[in-house]
Structure formats: C-alpha cells, structure tokens
Protein backbone atom coordinates (compact mmCIF):
# COMPACT_ATOMS: atom_id res chain seq x y z
CA MET A 1 -148.83 -20.58 -103.96
CA PRO A 2 -147.33 -23.34 -101.82
CA HIS A 3 -148.62 -26.89 -101.98
CA LEU A 4 -151.36 -27.39 -99.38
CA PRO A 5 -152.64 -30.72 -98.03
CA GLY A 6 -155.98 -31.92 -99.44
CA PRO A 7 -158.10 -31.16 -96.33
CA VAL A 8 -156.76 -27.60 -96.13
CA ARG A 9 -157.50 -27.03 -99.83
CA ALA A 10 -161.04 -28.38 -99.30
CA VAL A 11 -161.66 -26.03 -96.37
CA LEU A 12 -160.38 -23.07 -98.36
CA ALA A 13 -162.54 -24.00 -101.35
CA VAL A 14 -165.67 -24.29 -99.19
CA SER A 15 -164.88 -21.00 -97.43
CA ALA A 16 -164.45 -19.24 -100.76
CA ALA A 17 -167.74 -20.66 -102.07
CA LEU A 18 -169.65 -19.63 -98.93
CA THR A 19 -168.16 -16.14 -99.06
CA ALA A 20 -169.22 -15.76 -102.68
CA CYS A 21 -172.75 -16.92 -101.84
CA ALA A 22 -173.03 -14.59 -98.87
CA CYS A 23 -172.34 -11.60 -101.07
CA SER A 24 -175.26 -12.45 -103.33
CA MET A 25 -177.74 -13.30 -100.56
CA PRO A 26 -180.57 -10.85 -99.92
CA ARG A 27 -180.37 -8.59 -96.90
CA ILE A 28 -181.87 -10.03 -93.71
CA PRO A 29 -185.45 -8.71 -93.80
CA PHE A 30 -186.00 -8.26 -90.07
CA VAL A 31 -185.27 -5.12 -88.10
CA SER A 32 -183.09 -6.06 -85.15
CA GLY A 33 -183.81 -5.13 -81.58
CA TYR A 34 -186.97 -4.94 -79.51
CA HIS A 35 -190.02 -2.97 -80.57
CA GLU A 36 -193.42 -1.95 -79.33
CA VAL A 37 -195.97 -1.92 -82.15
CA THR A 38 -199.25 -0.03 -81.79
CA VAL A 39 -201.87 -0.89 -84.40
CA ALA A 40 -203.90 2.22 -85.23
CA ASP A 41 -207.11 0.40 -86.20
CA SER A 42 -207.49 -1.46 -82.91
CA GLY A 43 -205.28 0.61 -80.62
CA ARG A 44 -203.74 -2.65 -79.42
CA THR A 45 -200.06 -2.71 -78.48
CA TYR A 46 -197.71 -5.64 -79.11
CA CYS A 47 -194.08 -6.27 -78.23
CA THR A 48 -191.80 -8.04 -80.66
CA ASP A 49 -188.21 -8.90 -81.44
CA ARG A 50 -189.07 -9.83 -85.05
CA LEU A 51 -190.25 -6.92 -87.15
CA ARG A 52 -190.32 -6.42 -90.90
CA ARG A 53 -191.39 -3.32 -92.82
CA ASP A 54 -192.58 -3.50 -96.40
CA GLY A 55 -193.46 0.03 -97.44
CA SER A 56 -196.27 1.13 -95.15
CA ILE A 57 -197.04 -2.44 -94.02
CA VAL A 58 -195.55 -3.59 -90.72
CA GLU A 59 -195.28 -7.35 -90.15
CA PHE A 60 -194.25 -8.68 -86.77
CA GLU A 61 -194.29 -11.74 -84.55
CA ASP A 62 -196.23 -11.18 -81.34
CA GLY A 63 -193.76 -11.85 -78.52
CA VAL A 64 -196.53 -13.30 -76.33
CA THR A 65 -198.35 -15.67 -78.70
CA GLY A 66 -195.80 -16.16 -81.47
CA ALA A 67 -198.47 -15.33 -84.07
CA TRP A 68 -197.48 -13.26 -87.08
CA THR A 69 -199.51 -10.11 -87.63
CA SER A 70 -199.45 -7.46 -90.32
CA ALA A 71 -200.88 -3.97 -90.12
CA ALA A 72 -201.17 -1.19 -92.65
CA SER A 73 -201.47 1.50 -89.99
CA ALA A 74 -199.07 0.94 -87.13
CA THR A 75 -196.50 2.90 -85.22
CA THR A 76 -193.36 1.37 -83.81
CA ARG A 77 -190.89 2.43 -81.22
CA GLU A 78 -187.69 0.77 -80.10
CA ILE A 79 -187.72 -0.52 -76.53
CA THR A 80 -185.11 -2.01 -74.21
CA ALA A 81 -184.69 -5.72 -73.54
CA ALA A 82 -186.05 -5.17 -70.02
CA GLU A 83 -189.17 -3.47 -71.40
CA TYR A 84 -189.62 -6.33 -73.87
CA ARG A 85 -189.37 -8.98 -71.11
CA SER A 86 -191.83 -7.04 -68.97
CA CYS A 87 -194.24 -6.70 -71.89
CA ILE A 88 -194.29 -10.39 -72.79
CA ALA A 89 -194.67 -11.39 -69.12
CA ARG A 90 -198.04 -9.62 -68.82
C-alpha cells in the first residue's frame, strides 16, 4: 500500500469505521412511503408517512397532528404522494 498523507489516512479510517458500524445497525423500523391507516375500533382513517408494524400492532404518526398512535386492529393501504397531501390538507 502506498504512503498516504495523514488527512487521507484519517478519512479512510473514519470511513471504514462508519461502514463497519452501519453493518451492525438495526434495520430502519419505519415502512417507507405514504399510507392510509383505518383503525377498526373507531373506523377513523389517518394518513401517514411514518408507519411501523410490530406483529399485529400498527404504530404511526398522524400526518395532520403529528401525534403518534398505535392500534391493534388496523388496516393499511399504500397511497400516492398526491393522495397524502390531499389527506393532510383536510
């Protein structure tokens, strides 16, 4: 390996360390994209771009209020960005 200047070696060392850490990091827990969530108990529909599933529990951030909600009985469907913007504008 050729001799590299100190700053280049430092950048390579940091890059290698970050790459090693990234491999051991947990998977990002959120489902990407836009979703409409209908909670079975209340029949209420929410739109979100932050959705997480943990078994049968659905956790999501309400796109209108920003409040996190979890529901044991909910159905989700993927929606377009235009549908999401329309939903949160209501």
